[in-house]
């Protein structure tokens, strides 16, 4: 990786990309496109597993996916990067209902997959926040957002909804293209109920994209919906390593009032 964070010419060549790399929005600022090839930093075990799944997952009228691209030597990562075929479409976080529906179709297609072992080894902020939200990790009593997290964690009740592989960050990672099914990209895998993944979409839309409380009501038929919302909101708050900004505090407080 060079000083700009871009994939090197050697990495581009290893995936058969001949165009210059340009940064793409989202992806924590680390995703690049070189013509028809999209590149992002790899986590070798997760990269190989995800590629093995998505190269074969059957698409249908409800969704399509970005397919993984192997390097010229057949490996799924090279020089710390992984590659994907670029798919047409644009994200639209104001279409939360359509994102949830695309997620449902995607989750139905992968529902039979076993839990991958690499999930146990993940130790990034999102993995830690996920474990905290589900009672698998204790919260820091004085951590960021503790005043909001406390009531949410206290509101948790045991749930028996089956877990499966899900995409835990759908709202900005479903692309819409006229005349084509929505495209699910940048899969962030978690082992949780599918309804929780929908709840993360709803919480994100309420907090940051002006969605009304009616969005939460529309999806209340999903299993243990309030408990999924409680855990989704706790998950988002717990990812913060720094004190919440005033806008973040306001957004999470509003969502908490609607969820609780």
Protein backbone atom coordinates (compact mmCIF):
# COMPACT_ATOMS: atom_id res chain seq x y z
CA UNK A 1 0.00 0.00 0.00
CA UNK A 2 1.46 3.39 -0.91
CA UNK A 3 1.31 6.60 1.13
CA UNK A 4 -2.00 7.60 -0.36
CA UNK A 5 -3.53 4.32 0.79
CA UNK A 6 -4.07 3.19 -2.79
CA UNK A 7 -3.29 -0.33 -4.00
CA UNK A 8 0.13 -0.44 -5.64
CA UNK A 9 0.66 -1.00 -9.37
CA UNK A 10 1.88 -4.50 -8.52
CA UNK A 11 -1.36 -5.28 -6.69
CA UNK A 12 -3.44 -3.90 -9.55
CA UNK A 13 -1.52 -6.00 -12.04
CA UNK A 14 -1.91 -9.11 -9.90
CA UNK A 15 -5.70 -8.80 -10.27
CA UNK A 16 -5.54 -7.95 -13.96
CA UNK A 17 -6.51 -4.30 -13.47
CA UNK A 18 -4.94 -1.94 -16.01
CA UNK A 19 -6.79 1.30 -15.14
CA UNK A 20 -5.59 3.73 -12.46
CA UNK A 21 -7.13 3.23 -9.01
CA UNK A 22 -9.52 5.91 -7.78
CA UNK A 23 -11.04 6.02 -4.29
CA UNK A 24 -14.68 5.08 -3.78
CA UNK A 25 -16.97 6.61 -1.16
CA UNK A 26 -17.75 4.54 1.92
CA UNK A 27 -15.82 1.45 2.92
CA UNK A 28 -14.10 3.46 5.70
CA UNK A 29 -12.19 5.31 2.98
CA UNK A 30 -10.19 2.23 1.99
CA UNK A 31 -12.03 1.00 -1.10
CA UNK A 32 -10.72 1.69 -4.60
CA UNK A 33 -11.88 1.10 -8.15
CA UNK A 34 -9.68 0.38 -11.14
CA UNK A 35 -11.96 0.04 -14.14
CA UNK A 36 -14.14 -3.03 -13.59
CA UNK A 37 -12.18 -4.10 -10.50
CA UNK A 38 -12.96 -2.95 -6.94
CA UNK A 39 -10.26 -3.44 -4.32
CA UNK A 40 -10.34 -3.25 -0.53
CA UNK A 41 -7.97 -4.33 2.27
CA UNK A 42 -8.10 -8.07 2.89
CA UNK A 43 -8.35 -10.10 6.08
CA UNK A 44 -7.00 -13.36 4.64
CA UNK A 45 -9.17 -15.94 6.45
CA UNK A 46 -12.34 -13.89 6.10
CA UNK A 47 -11.51 -12.88 2.53
CA UNK A 48 -11.04 -16.46 1.35
CA UNK A 49 -14.18 -17.64 3.15
CA UNK A 50 -16.36 -14.82 1.79
CA UNK A 51 -15.05 -15.31 -1.73
CA UNK A 52 -15.79 -19.02 -1.52
CA UNK A 53 -19.39 -18.27 -0.58
CA UNK A 54 -20.13 -15.37 -2.91
CA UNK A 55 -18.65 -16.94 -6.02
CA UNK A 56 -21.42 -19.55 -5.81
CA UNK A 57 -24.38 -17.92 -4.05
CA UNK A 58 -27.38 -18.00 -6.41
CA UNK A 59 -28.92 -14.64 -7.24
CA UNK A 60 -32.65 -14.19 -7.77
CA UNK A 61 -35.20 -11.46 -8.41
CA UNK A 62 -34.63 -10.12 -4.90
CA UNK A 63 -30.90 -9.44 -5.00
CA UNK A 64 -27.61 -9.70 -6.84
CA UNK A 65 -24.08 -9.66 -5.43
CA UNK A 66 -20.63 -8.41 -6.28
CA UNK A 67 -18.62 -11.48 -7.31
CA UNK A 68 -15.08 -11.98 -5.99
CA UNK A 69 -12.18 -11.81 -8.42
CA UNK A 70 -9.17 -14.07 -7.90
CA UNK A 71 -5.65 -12.87 -8.54
CA UNK A 72 -3.93 -14.13 -11.66
CA UNK A 73 -2.28 -16.89 -9.57
CA UNK A 74 -5.70 -18.01 -8.27
CA UNK A 75 -5.39 -16.63 -4.73
CA UNK A 76 -8.13 -14.48 -3.19
CA UNK A 77 -5.81 -11.85 -1.71
CA UNK A 78 -2.61 -10.26 -2.85
CA UNK A 79 -0.37 -7.75 -1.11
CA UNK A 80 -2.99 -7.21 1.59
CA UNK A 81 -5.83 -6.58 -0.90
CA UNK A 82 -8.90 -8.45 -2.17
CA UNK A 83 -10.78 -7.75 -5.42
CA UNK A 84 -14.38 -7.76 -6.56
CA UNK A 85 -16.20 -7.22 -9.82
CA UNK A 86 -17.71 -3.76 -9.97
CA UNK A 87 -21.52 -3.80 -9.99
CA UNK A 88 -23.73 -1.05 -11.34
CA UNK A 89 -25.95 0.95 -9.02
CA UNK A 90 -26.02 3.59 -6.32
CA UNK A 91 -26.67 3.34 -2.61
CA UNK A 92 -29.77 5.18 -1.35
CA UNK A 93 -30.04 5.18 2.46
CA UNK A 94 -33.47 6.80 2.19
CA UNK A 95 -34.82 3.51 0.78
CA UNK A 96 -34.58 1.60 4.05
CA UNK A 97 -37.59 -0.61 3.33
CA UNK A 98 -36.10 -1.72 0.01
CA UNK A 99 -32.74 -2.34 1.68
CA UNK A 100 -34.40 -4.54 4.31
CA UNK A 101 -36.21 -6.49 1.60
CA UNK A 102 -32.95 -7.02 -0.32
CA UNK A 103 -31.35 -8.17 2.91
CA UNK A 104 -34.16 -10.64 3.49
CA UNK A 105 -33.62 -12.14 0.03
CA UNK A 106 -29.86 -12.35 0.55
CA UNK A 107 -30.24 -13.91 4.00
CA UNK A 108 -32.67 -16.50 2.68
CA UNK A 109 -30.07 -17.51 0.08
CA UNK A 110 -27.30 -18.02 2.68
CA UNK A 111 -29.43 -19.34 5.53
CA UNK A 112 -28.01 -22.86 5.43
CA UNK A 113 -24.35 -21.90 5.77
CA UNK A 114 -22.45 -22.98 8.91
CA UNK A 115 -20.92 -20.48 11.32
CA UNK A 116 -17.34 -19.67 10.24
CA UNK A 117 -14.63 -20.00 12.88
CA UNK A 118 -12.96 -16.69 12.07
CA UNK A 119 -15.84 -14.86 13.80
CA UNK A 120 -14.43 -15.94 17.17
CA UNK A 121 -11.06 -14.34 16.42
CA UNK A 122 -12.32 -10.93 15.29
CA UNK A 123 -11.39 -8.13 17.66
CA UNK A 124 -12.26 -4.90 15.85
CA UNK A 125 -14.65 -2.29 17.34
CA UNK A 126 -17.68 -3.66 15.51
CA UNK A 127 -17.07 -7.22 16.69
CA UNK A 128 -16.61 -6.04 20.27
CA UNK A 129 -19.75 -3.90 20.07
CA UNK A 130 -21.74 -6.81 18.69
CA UNK A 131 -20.69 -9.05 21.59
CA UNK A 132 -21.54 -6.32 24.08
CA UNK A 133 -25.01 -5.79 22.60
CA UNK A 134 -25.74 -9.52 22.88
CA UNK A 135 -24.45 -9.89 26.44
CA UNK A 136 -21.27 -11.72 25.47
CA UNK A 137 -19.02 -8.91 26.71
CA UNK A 138 -19.34 -6.54 29.64
CA UNK A 139 -19.67 -2.79 28.95
CA UNK A 140 -17.25 -0.23 30.35
CA UNK A 141 -19.20 1.69 33.00
CA UNK A 142 -17.78 5.03 31.88
CA UNK A 143 -17.41 4.30 28.14
CA UNK A 144 -18.72 6.54 25.35
CA UNK A 145 -22.50 6.71 25.37
CA UNK A 146 -22.79 4.89 28.70
CA UNK A 147 -25.83 6.99 29.67
CA UNK A 148 -27.64 5.75 26.55
CA UNK A 149 -26.30 2.22 26.62
CA UNK A 150 -27.39 1.57 30.20
CA UNK A 151 -31.17 1.67 29.58
CA UNK A 152 -30.81 -0.30 26.35
CA UNK A 153 -28.80 -3.06 27.95
CA UNK A 154 -31.23 -3.15 30.88
CA UNK A 155 -34.12 -3.59 28.42
CA UNK A 156 -32.68 -6.77 26.92
CA UNK A 157 -34.62 -9.97 27.39
CA UNK A 158 -33.61 -13.51 26.41
CA UNK A 159 -34.43 -14.32 22.80
CA UNK A 160 -34.65 -17.71 21.13
CA UNK A 161 -34.73 -16.55 17.51
CA UNK A 162 -32.35 -18.75 15.47
CA UNK A 163 -29.08 -17.17 14.41
CA UNK A 164 -27.56 -17.43 10.94
CA UNK A 165 -25.03 -15.63 8.81
CA UNK A 166 -26.20 -12.10 8.10
CA UNK A 167 -24.91 -8.83 6.64
CA UNK A 168 -24.52 -6.46 9.57
CA UNK A 169 -24.15 -3.19 7.63
CA UNK A 170 -26.68 -3.15 4.83
CA UNK A 171 -27.99 0.39 4.60
CA UNK A 172 -25.08 1.87 2.65
CA UNK A 173 -24.16 -1.40 0.99
CA UNK A 174 -27.19 -2.12 -1.18
CA UNK A 175 -26.99 -0.57 -4.65
CA UNK A 176 -30.02 0.27 -6.77
CA UNK A 177 -29.99 0.24 -10.56
CA UNK A 178 -33.18 0.72 -12.63
CA UNK A 179 -34.42 -2.54 -14.10
CA UNK A 180 -32.11 -4.74 -12.02
CA UNK A 181 -32.38 -6.37 -8.57
CA UNK A 182 -30.65 -4.55 -5.71
CA UNK A 183 -26.97 -5.44 -5.35
CA UNK A 184 -25.65 -6.47 -1.94
CA UNK A 185 -21.99 -5.48 -1.56
CA UNK A 186 -19.24 -5.26 1.07
CA UNK A 187 -20.60 -8.11 3.19
CA UNK A 188 -19.87 -7.65 6.89
CA UNK A 189 -20.68 -11.13 8.26
CA UNK A 190 -22.22 -11.69 11.69
CA UNK A 191 -23.90 -14.71 13.27
CA UNK A 192 -27.19 -13.25 14.48
CA UNK A 193 -30.92 -13.47 13.72
CA UNK A 194 -31.84 -12.11 10.30
CA UNK A 195 -34.29 -9.75 12.04
CA UNK A 196 -31.33 -8.13 13.85
CA UNK A 197 -29.73 -7.23 10.50
CA UNK A 198 -33.02 -5.58 9.49
CA UNK A 199 -33.07 -3.74 12.82
CA UNK A 200 -29.59 -2.33 12.18
CA UNK A 201 -30.87 -0.92 8.89
CA UNK A 202 -33.87 0.64 10.65
CA UNK A 203 -31.76 2.13 13.44
CA UNK A 204 -29.23 3.58 10.99
CA UNK A 205 -32.03 5.09 8.89
CA UNK A 206 -33.68 6.67 11.93
CA UNK A 207 -30.45 8.04 13.37
CA UNK A 208 -28.82 9.41 10.24
CA UNK A 209 -31.22 9.53 7.29
CA UNK A 210 -34.40 11.11 8.61
CA UNK A 211 -36.53 7.96 8.73
CA UNK A 212 -39.71 8.31 10.76
CA UNK A 213 -40.87 6.13 13.61
CA UNK A 214 -43.29 4.49 11.17
CA UNK A 215 -40.31 2.58 9.71
CA UNK A 216 -39.92 0.78 13.02
CA UNK A 217 -43.63 0.02 13.12
CA UNK A 218 -43.73 -1.35 9.56
CA UNK A 219 -41.27 -4.11 10.39
CA UNK A 220 -42.69 -5.02 13.79
CA UNK A 221 -43.91 -8.37 12.39
CA UNK A 222 -40.31 -9.63 12.43
CA UNK A 223 -39.43 -12.01 15.30
CA UNK A 224 -38.80 -10.26 18.64
CA UNK A 225 -38.53 -6.97 16.80
CA UNK A 226 -38.22 -4.70 19.82
CA UNK A 227 -35.42 -6.85 21.20
CA UNK A 228 -33.69 -6.75 17.82
CA UNK A 229 -33.94 -2.94 17.81
CA UNK A 230 -32.60 -2.72 21.36
CA UNK A 231 -29.56 -4.77 20.42
CA UNK A 232 -29.07 -2.99 17.08
CA UNK A 233 -29.01 0.43 18.71
CA UNK A 234 -26.75 -0.76 21.52
CA UNK A 235 -24.43 -2.20 18.87
CA UNK A 236 -24.17 1.10 17.02
CA UNK A 237 -23.56 3.14 20.17
CA UNK A 238 -20.97 0.69 21.48
CA UNK A 239 -18.79 1.00 18.38
CA UNK A 240 -17.74 4.50 19.46
CA UNK A 241 -14.29 4.78 21.02
CA UNK A 242 -14.52 8.54 21.60
CA UNK A 243 -17.17 10.57 23.49
CA UNK A 244 -20.29 11.06 21.44
CA UNK A 245 -20.58 14.34 19.57
CA UNK A 246 -23.67 16.47 20.25
CA UNK A 247 -25.34 15.35 16.97
CA UNK A 248 -24.61 11.71 17.80
CA UNK A 249 -26.01 12.12 21.30
CA UNK A 250 -29.20 13.68 19.92
CA UNK A 251 -29.63 11.06 17.19
CA UNK A 252 -29.14 8.11 19.52
CA UNK A 253 -31.33 9.63 22.22
CA UNK A 254 -34.19 10.07 19.73
CA UNK A 255 -33.85 6.51 18.49
CA UNK A 256 -33.66 5.21 22.06
CA UNK A 257 -36.89 6.98 22.95
CA UNK A 258 -38.62 5.34 19.99
CA UNK A 259 -37.16 1.89 20.66
CA UNK A 260 -37.72 1.82 24.42
